[in-house]
Amino acid sequence: MKKFSFQLEDVLSIRKFQQEQAEIELGIALGEEQRISNKLQMIAMQHAQCAKSIEGSVDFKEILSAQQYFAMLEEQKNFLLEELAKAKIVTEQKRKILQEQMKKTASLQKLRDKELENYKAENILEEEKIIDDIITSRYRK
């Protein structure tokens, strides 16, 4: 019996590699989004802690410095929100690239599966033919 070989196996392996690379790039983009989100959460926690620390305070300098700190946190938050929006755009682009790679890989994989099914069916028919020939040759003797 001959061994199964898919003519486009090299192309399929390249497509799988490209898909894996796209998955890695998407993971990196999602990680960047998560990193920015974590920084935003830290800013929110710092804001809450500072607000709690000056609660009930009557010292003008302390209140003024807290207001300046709040303004700085607000600037950081706005910057991070812009970065998050950019990161989300990049993530969507990476997601679309991954979807395209998955489509290309899936189409080749389906073609390979069909050829493998045909190969198996041909092997079964060939084996049955050989068995029939063996049986027939025994009765002729």
N, C-alpha and C. Protein backbone atom coordinates (compact mmCIF):
# COMPACT_ATOMS: atom_id res chain seq x y z
N MET A 1 0.83 -1.18 0.00
CA MET A 1 0.00 0.00 0.00
C MET A 1 0.87 1.24 0.00
N LYS A 2 0.37 2.21 -0.70
CA LYS A 2 1.10 3.47 -0.75
C LYS A 2 0.74 4.34 0.46
N LYS A 3 1.65 5.19 0.79
CA LYS A 3 1.47 6.08 1.94
C LYS A 3 0.68 7.31 1.50
N PHE A 4 -0.18 7.80 2.41
CA PHE A 4 -0.98 8.99 2.08
C PHE A 4 -0.07 10.21 2.01
N SER A 5 -0.24 10.97 0.97
CA SER A 5 0.49 12.24 0.86
C SER A 5 -0.45 13.30 0.31
N PHE A 6 -0.41 14.42 0.96
CA PHE A 6 -1.22 15.57 0.56
C PHE A 6 -0.29 16.52 -0.18
N GLN A 7 -0.64 16.84 -1.41
CA GLN A 7 0.25 17.65 -2.24
C GLN A 7 0.48 19.04 -1.67
N LEU A 8 -0.48 19.54 -0.97
CA LEU A 8 -0.37 20.89 -0.42
C LEU A 8 0.03 20.90 1.06
N GLU A 9 0.68 19.84 1.51
CA GLU A 9 1.06 19.72 2.92
C GLU A 9 2.00 20.85 3.34
N ASP A 10 2.92 21.22 2.46
CA ASP A 10 3.83 22.32 2.78
C ASP A 10 3.07 23.63 2.96
N VAL A 11 2.13 23.87 2.05
CA VAL A 11 1.33 25.09 2.13
C VAL A 11 0.50 25.07 3.41
N LEU A 12 -0.06 23.91 3.75
CA LEU A 12 -0.86 23.79 4.97
C LEU A 12 -0.01 24.06 6.20
N SER A 13 1.19 23.53 6.23
CA SER A 13 2.05 23.77 7.40
C SER A 13 2.43 25.25 7.50
N ILE A 14 2.64 25.92 6.36
CA ILE A 14 2.94 27.35 6.39
C ILE A 14 1.74 28.12 6.90
N ARG A 15 0.56 27.74 6.44
CA ARG A 15 -0.66 28.41 6.90
C ARG A 15 -0.88 28.21 8.39
N LYS A 16 -0.59 27.01 8.88
CA LYS A 16 -0.73 26.76 10.32
C LYS A 16 0.26 27.62 11.11
N PHE A 17 1.48 27.73 10.57
CA PHE A 17 2.48 28.56 11.23
C PHE A 17 2.03 30.01 11.25
N GLN A 18 1.49 30.50 10.14
CA GLN A 18 1.00 31.88 10.08
C GLN A 18 -0.16 32.08 11.05
N GLN A 19 -1.00 31.08 11.18
CA GLN A 19 -2.12 31.18 12.12
C GLN A 19 -1.59 31.25 13.55
N GLU A 20 -0.60 30.44 13.86
CA GLU A 20 -0.01 30.47 15.20
C GLU A 20 0.62 31.83 15.49
N GLN A 21 1.29 32.40 14.49
CA GLN A 21 1.89 33.72 14.66
C GLN A 21 0.81 34.78 14.91
N ALA A 22 -0.29 34.68 14.16
CA ALA A 22 -1.40 35.62 14.35
C ALA A 22 -2.00 35.48 15.74
N GLU A 23 -2.09 34.24 16.23
CA GLU A 23 -2.60 34.01 17.58
C GLU A 23 -1.68 34.65 18.62
N ILE A 24 -0.38 34.52 18.41
CA ILE A 24 0.59 35.11 19.33
C ILE A 24 0.47 36.63 19.33
N GLU A 25 0.37 37.21 18.13
CA GLU A 25 0.25 38.67 18.03
C GLU A 25 -1.04 39.16 18.67
N LEU A 26 -2.13 38.41 18.50
CA LEU A 26 -3.38 38.79 19.15
C LEU A 26 -3.24 38.71 20.67
N GLY A 27 -2.56 37.69 21.15
CA GLY A 27 -2.34 37.56 22.58
C GLY A 27 -1.53 38.73 23.14
N ILE A 28 -0.53 39.16 22.38
CA ILE A 28 0.27 40.31 22.81
C ILE A 28 -0.60 41.56 22.87
N ALA A 29 -1.43 41.75 21.83
CA ALA A 29 -2.31 42.93 21.80
C ALA A 29 -3.30 42.90 22.95
N LEU A 30 -3.86 41.73 23.24
CA LEU A 30 -4.79 41.62 24.37
C LEU A 30 -4.07 41.87 25.69
N GLY A 31 -2.84 41.43 25.79
CA GLY A 31 -2.04 41.67 26.99
C GLY A 31 -1.80 43.16 27.20
N GLU A 32 -1.54 43.87 26.11
CA GLU A 32 -1.34 45.31 26.20
C GLU A 32 -2.62 46.00 26.67
N GLU A 33 -3.75 45.57 26.13
CA GLU A 33 -5.04 46.12 26.58
C GLU A 33 -5.22 45.89 28.08
N GLN A 34 -4.92 44.69 28.51
CA GLN A 34 -5.09 44.35 29.93
C GLN A 34 -4.15 45.17 30.80
N ARG A 35 -2.93 45.40 30.33
CA ARG A 35 -1.96 46.19 31.08
C ARG A 35 -2.48 47.62 31.27
N ILE A 36 -3.03 48.20 30.22
CA ILE A 36 -3.56 49.55 30.30
C ILE A 36 -4.78 49.59 31.24
N SER A 37 -5.63 48.58 31.13
CA SER A 37 -6.81 48.51 32.02
C SER A 37 -6.39 48.42 33.48
N ASN A 38 -5.34 47.64 33.74
CA ASN A 38 -4.84 47.53 35.12
C ASN A 38 -4.33 48.87 35.63
N LYS A 39 -3.65 49.62 34.76
CA LYS A 39 -3.17 50.95 35.17
C LYS A 39 -4.34 51.87 35.47
N LEU A 40 -5.40 51.78 34.67
CA LEU A 40 -6.59 52.59 34.93
C LEU A 40 -7.22 52.24 36.27
N GLN A 41 -7.24 50.96 36.58
CA GLN A 41 -7.78 50.54 37.87
C GLN A 41 -6.92 51.07 39.02
N MET A 42 -5.60 51.06 38.82
CA MET A 42 -4.70 51.57 39.85
C MET A 42 -4.94 53.07 40.07
N ILE A 43 -5.16 53.80 38.99
CA ILE A 43 -5.43 55.24 39.11
C ILE A 43 -6.72 55.46 39.89
N ALA A 44 -7.73 54.66 39.59
CA ALA A 44 -9.00 54.79 40.30
C ALA A 44 -8.81 54.49 41.79
N MET A 45 -8.03 53.48 42.11
CA MET A 45 -7.77 53.15 43.52
C MET A 45 -7.00 54.27 44.21
N GLN A 46 -6.00 54.84 43.51
CA GLN A 46 -5.23 55.93 44.10
C GLN A 46 -6.11 57.15 44.35
N HIS A 47 -7.02 57.40 43.41
CA HIS A 47 -7.95 58.53 43.58
C HIS A 47 -8.82 58.30 44.81
N ALA A 48 -9.34 57.11 44.94
CA ALA A 48 -10.20 56.79 46.09
C ALA A 48 -9.43 56.88 47.40
N GLN A 49 -8.20 56.39 47.42
CA GLN A 49 -7.39 56.44 48.64
C GLN A 49 -7.09 57.88 49.05
N CYS A 50 -6.76 58.70 48.06
CA CYS A 50 -6.45 60.10 48.36
C CYS A 50 -7.70 60.83 48.85
N ALA A 51 -8.82 60.55 48.20
CA ALA A 51 -10.07 61.19 48.63
C ALA A 51 -10.41 60.79 50.05
N LYS A 52 -10.17 59.53 50.37
CA LYS A 52 -10.47 59.06 51.72
C LYS A 52 -9.51 59.68 52.75
N SER A 53 -8.26 59.88 52.32
CA SER A 53 -7.28 60.42 53.27
C SER A 53 -7.53 61.89 53.61
N ILE A 54 -8.12 62.65 52.68
CA ILE A 54 -8.36 64.06 52.98
C ILE A 54 -9.79 64.32 53.47
N GLU A 55 -10.54 63.27 53.57
CA GLU A 55 -11.93 63.40 54.03
C GLU A 55 -11.96 64.02 55.43
N GLY A 56 -12.68 65.09 55.53
CA GLY A 56 -12.82 65.75 56.83
C GLY A 56 -11.64 66.65 57.18
N SER A 57 -10.68 66.76 56.29
CA SER A 57 -9.51 67.60 56.57
C SER A 57 -9.88 69.07 56.42
N VAL A 58 -9.27 69.91 57.25
CA VAL A 58 -9.50 71.35 57.18
C VAL A 58 -8.22 72.09 56.78
N ASP A 59 -7.13 71.35 56.59
CA ASP A 59 -5.86 71.95 56.21
C ASP A 59 -5.92 72.32 54.73
N PHE A 60 -5.80 73.62 54.44
CA PHE A 60 -5.93 74.11 53.07
C PHE A 60 -4.82 73.56 52.16
N LYS A 61 -3.60 73.50 52.69
CA LYS A 61 -2.47 73.00 51.88
C LYS A 61 -2.69 71.53 51.50
N GLU A 62 -3.18 70.78 52.43
CA GLU A 62 -3.44 69.35 52.17
C GLU A 62 -4.53 69.19 51.12
N ILE A 63 -5.58 69.98 51.22
CA ILE A 63 -6.68 69.91 50.25
C ILE A 63 -6.19 70.37 48.88
N LEU A 64 -5.38 71.43 48.85
CA LEU A 64 -4.84 71.94 47.59
C LEU A 64 -3.93 70.91 46.92
N SER A 65 -3.06 70.29 47.70
CA SER A 65 -2.16 69.28 47.13
C SER A 65 -2.96 68.07 46.65
N ALA A 66 -4.03 67.73 47.35
CA ALA A 66 -4.87 66.62 46.92
C ALA A 66 -5.56 66.97 45.60
N GLN A 67 -6.01 68.22 45.46
CA GLN A 67 -6.65 68.64 44.21
C GLN A 67 -5.65 68.58 43.05
N GLN A 68 -4.43 68.98 43.32
CA GLN A 68 -3.39 68.88 42.28
C GLN A 68 -3.11 67.42 41.93
N TYR A 69 -3.10 66.58 42.93
CA TYR A 69 -2.90 65.14 42.71
C TYR A 69 -4.05 64.57 41.88
N PHE A 70 -5.28 64.99 42.19
CA PHE A 70 -6.44 64.55 41.42
C PHE A 70 -6.32 64.99 39.96
N ALA A 71 -5.85 66.22 39.74
CA ALA A 71 -5.69 66.73 38.38
C ALA A 71 -4.65 65.89 37.63
N MET A 72 -3.55 65.55 38.32
CA MET A 72 -2.52 64.72 37.68
C MET A 72 -3.08 63.33 37.35
N LEU A 73 -3.83 62.76 38.28
CA LEU A 73 -4.45 61.44 38.03
C LEU A 73 -5.42 61.52 36.86
N GLU A 74 -6.15 62.61 36.76
CA GLU A 74 -7.09 62.79 35.65
C GLU A 74 -6.35 62.85 34.32
N GLU A 75 -5.22 63.54 34.29
CA GLU A 75 -4.41 63.60 33.06
C GLU A 75 -3.90 62.22 32.68
N GLN A 76 -3.41 61.50 33.67
CA GLN A 76 -2.94 60.13 33.42
C GLN A 76 -4.07 59.26 32.91
N LYS A 77 -5.24 59.41 33.51
CA LYS A 77 -6.39 58.61 33.10
C LYS A 77 -6.77 58.91 31.66
N ASN A 78 -6.80 60.20 31.29
CA ASN A 78 -7.13 60.57 29.91
C ASN A 78 -6.11 60.01 28.92
N PHE A 79 -4.84 60.10 29.30
CA PHE A 79 -3.79 59.55 28.44
C PHE A 79 -3.97 58.04 28.27
N LEU A 80 -4.22 57.36 29.37
CA LEU A 80 -4.39 55.91 29.31
C LEU A 80 -5.65 55.51 28.54
N LEU A 81 -6.70 56.30 28.65
CA LEU A 81 -7.91 56.01 27.88
C LEU A 81 -7.65 56.13 26.37
N GLU A 82 -6.84 57.12 25.99
CA GLU A 82 -6.46 57.24 24.58
C GLU A 82 -5.63 56.04 24.15
N GLU A 83 -4.69 55.65 25.00
CA GLU A 83 -3.86 54.48 24.70
C GLU A 83 -4.71 53.21 24.61
N LEU A 84 -5.69 53.10 25.48
CA LEU A 84 -6.57 51.94 25.47
C LEU A 84 -7.38 51.89 24.17
N ALA A 85 -7.84 53.05 23.72
CA ALA A 85 -8.60 53.09 22.46
C ALA A 85 -7.71 52.66 21.30
N LYS A 86 -6.47 53.12 21.28
CA LYS A 86 -5.52 52.71 20.24
C LYS A 86 -5.25 51.21 20.32
N ALA A 87 -5.09 50.72 21.53
CA ALA A 87 -4.81 49.30 21.72
C ALA A 87 -5.99 48.45 21.26
N LYS A 88 -7.21 48.92 21.49
CA LYS A 88 -8.39 48.19 21.05
C LYS A 88 -8.46 48.14 19.53
N ILE A 89 -8.06 49.21 18.87
CA ILE A 89 -8.04 49.22 17.41
C ILE A 89 -7.02 48.20 16.90
N VAL A 90 -5.85 48.18 17.52
CA VAL A 90 -4.82 47.22 17.13
C VAL A 90 -5.31 45.80 17.37
N THR A 91 -5.97 45.59 18.50
CA THR A 91 -6.49 44.26 18.82
C THR A 91 -7.50 43.80 17.77
N GLU A 92 -8.38 44.69 17.38
CA GLU A 92 -9.38 44.33 16.35
C GLU A 92 -8.70 43.99 15.03
N GLN A 93 -7.66 44.74 14.68
CA GLN A 93 -6.92 44.43 13.45
C GLN A 93 -6.28 43.06 13.55
N LYS A 94 -5.67 42.76 14.68
CA LYS A 94 -5.03 41.45 14.88
C LYS A 94 -6.08 40.34 14.86
N ARG A 95 -7.26 40.62 15.42
CA ARG A 95 -8.33 39.62 15.44
C ARG A 95 -8.79 39.31 14.01
N LYS A 96 -8.91 40.35 13.19
CA LYS A 96 -9.32 40.15 11.79
C LYS A 96 -8.27 39.35 11.02
N ILE A 97 -7.00 39.67 11.28
CA ILE A 97 -5.92 38.92 10.63
C ILE A 97 -5.99 37.45 11.04
N LEU A 98 -6.21 37.20 12.32
CA LEU A 98 -6.31 35.82 12.80
C LEU A 98 -7.49 35.10 12.16
N GLN A 99 -8.62 35.77 12.04
CA GLN A 99 -9.78 35.15 11.41
C GLN A 99 -9.49 34.78 9.96
N GLU A 100 -8.80 35.64 9.25
CA GLU A 100 -8.44 35.34 7.86
C GLU A 100 -7.50 34.14 7.80
N GLN A 101 -6.53 34.11 8.69
CA GLN A 101 -5.60 32.98 8.72
C GLN A 101 -6.33 31.68 9.05
N MET A 102 -7.29 31.77 9.95
CA MET A 102 -8.05 30.58 10.32
C MET A 102 -8.88 30.08 9.14
N LYS A 103 -9.46 31.01 8.37
CA LYS A 103 -10.23 30.61 7.20
C LYS A 103 -9.35 29.91 6.18
N LYS A 104 -8.17 30.47 5.93
CA LYS A 104 -7.25 29.87 4.96
C LYS A 104 -6.81 28.48 5.41
N THR A 105 -6.49 28.37 6.68
CA THR A 105 -6.05 27.08 7.21
C THR A 105 -7.20 26.07 7.19
N ALA A 106 -8.39 26.51 7.55
CA ALA A 106 -9.54 25.60 7.60
C ALA A 106 -9.88 25.07 6.22
N SER A 107 -9.79 25.92 5.21
CA SER A 107 -10.13 25.46 3.86
C SER A 107 -9.13 24.41 3.39
N LEU A 108 -7.86 24.62 3.66
CA LEU A 108 -6.86 23.62 3.28
C LEU A 108 -7.01 22.35 4.11
N GLN A 109 -7.34 22.51 5.38
CA GLN A 109 -7.52 21.34 6.25
C GLN A 109 -8.71 20.50 5.78
N LYS A 110 -9.80 21.16 5.36
CA LYS A 110 -10.96 20.43 4.84
C LYS A 110 -10.59 19.68 3.57
N LEU A 111 -9.83 20.33 2.71
CA LEU A 111 -9.39 19.68 1.48
C LEU A 111 -8.52 18.47 1.80
N ARG A 112 -7.63 18.61 2.77
CA ARG A 112 -6.78 17.50 3.19
C ARG A 112 -7.63 16.36 3.75
N ASP A 113 -8.62 16.70 4.58
CA ASP A 113 -9.48 15.67 5.17
C ASP A 113 -10.26 14.91 4.10
N LYS A 114 -10.74 15.63 3.09
CA LYS A 114 -11.47 14.96 2.01
C LYS A 114 -10.56 14.02 1.24
N GLU A 115 -9.35 14.47 0.96
CA GLU A 115 -8.41 13.61 0.26
C GLU A 115 -8.04 12.39 1.11
N LEU A 116 -7.93 12.57 2.41
CA LEU A 116 -7.63 11.45 3.30
C LEU A 116 -8.78 10.45 3.31
N GLU A 117 -10.01 10.94 3.32
CA GLU A 117 -11.16 10.04 3.26
C GLU A 117 -11.16 9.25 1.95
N ASN A 118 -10.89 9.94 0.85
CA ASN A 118 -10.82 9.26 -0.45
C ASN A 118 -9.71 8.23 -0.46
N TYR A 119 -8.58 8.56 0.12
CA TYR A 119 -7.45 7.64 0.20
C TYR A 119 -7.83 6.39 0.99
N LYS A 120 -8.49 6.59 2.11
CA LYS A 120 -8.90 5.45 2.93
C LYS A 120 -9.91 4.59 2.19
N ALA A 121 -10.86 5.22 1.50
CA ALA A 121 -11.85 4.47 0.73
C ALA A 121 -11.18 3.68 -0.38
N GLU A 122 -10.23 4.28 -1.07
CA GLU A 122 -9.50 3.58 -2.13
C GLU A 122 -8.71 2.42 -1.56
N ASN A 123 -8.10 2.59 -0.40
CA ASN A 123 -7.36 1.50 0.24
C ASN A 123 -8.28 0.34 0.59
N ILE A 124 -9.45 0.66 1.10
CA ILE A 124 -10.40 -0.40 1.46
C ILE A 124 -10.81 -1.16 0.20
N LEU A 125 -11.12 -0.43 -0.87
CA LEU A 125 -11.49 -1.09 -2.13
C LEU A 125 -10.34 -1.94 -2.66
N GLU A 126 -9.13 -1.44 -2.58
CA GLU A 126 -7.96 -2.18 -3.06
C GLU A 126 -7.75 -3.44 -2.23
N GLU A 127 -7.90 -3.33 -0.91
CA GLU A 127 -7.77 -4.50 -0.05
C GLU A 127 -8.84 -5.54 -0.36
N GLU A 128 -10.07 -5.07 -0.56
CA GLU A 128 -11.15 -6.00 -0.90
C GLU A 128 -10.87 -6.69 -2.23
N LYS A 129 -10.33 -5.97 -3.18
CA LYS A 129 -9.99 -6.55 -4.48
C LYS A 129 -8.90 -7.60 -4.32
N ILE A 130 -7.90 -7.30 -3.52
CA ILE A 130 -6.81 -8.27 -3.28
C ILE A 130 -7.36 -9.50 -2.59
N ILE A 131 -8.22 -9.30 -1.60
CA ILE A 131 -8.81 -10.45 -0.89
C ILE A 131 -9.65 -11.28 -1.85
N ASP A 132 -10.44 -10.61 -2.69
CA ASP A 132 -11.24 -11.34 -3.69
C ASP A 132 -10.34 -12.13 -4.63
N ASP A 133 -9.24 -11.55 -5.07
CA ASP A 133 -8.30 -12.25 -5.95
C ASP A 133 -7.71 -13.46 -5.25
N ILE A 134 -7.37 -13.30 -3.97
CA ILE A 134 -6.80 -14.43 -3.21
C ILE A 134 -7.83 -15.54 -3.08
N ILE A 135 -9.04 -15.19 -2.73
CA ILE A 135 -10.10 -16.19 -2.57
C ILE A 135 -10.39 -16.89 -3.90
N THR A 136 -10.47 -16.10 -4.95
CA THR A 136 -10.76 -16.64 -6.28
C THR A 136 -9.65 -17.57 -6.73
N SER A 137 -8.40 -17.21 -6.47
CA SER A 137 -7.29 -18.04 -6.90
C SER A 137 -7.27 -19.36 -6.15
N ARG A 138 -7.73 -19.44 -4.94
CA ARG A 138 -7.75 -20.68 -4.17
C ARG A 138 -8.78 -21.65 -4.74
N TYR A 139 -9.89 -21.13 -5.17
CA TYR A 139 -10.93 -22.02 -5.68
C TYR A 139 -10.63 -22.50 -7.09
N ARG A 140 -9.81 -21.80 -7.83
CA ARG A 140 -9.45 -22.23 -9.19
C ARG A 140 -8.52 -23.42 -9.17
N LYS A 141 -7.75 -23.57 -8.15
CA LYS A 141 -6.77 -24.65 -8.09
C LYS A 141 -7.46 -25.91 -7.89
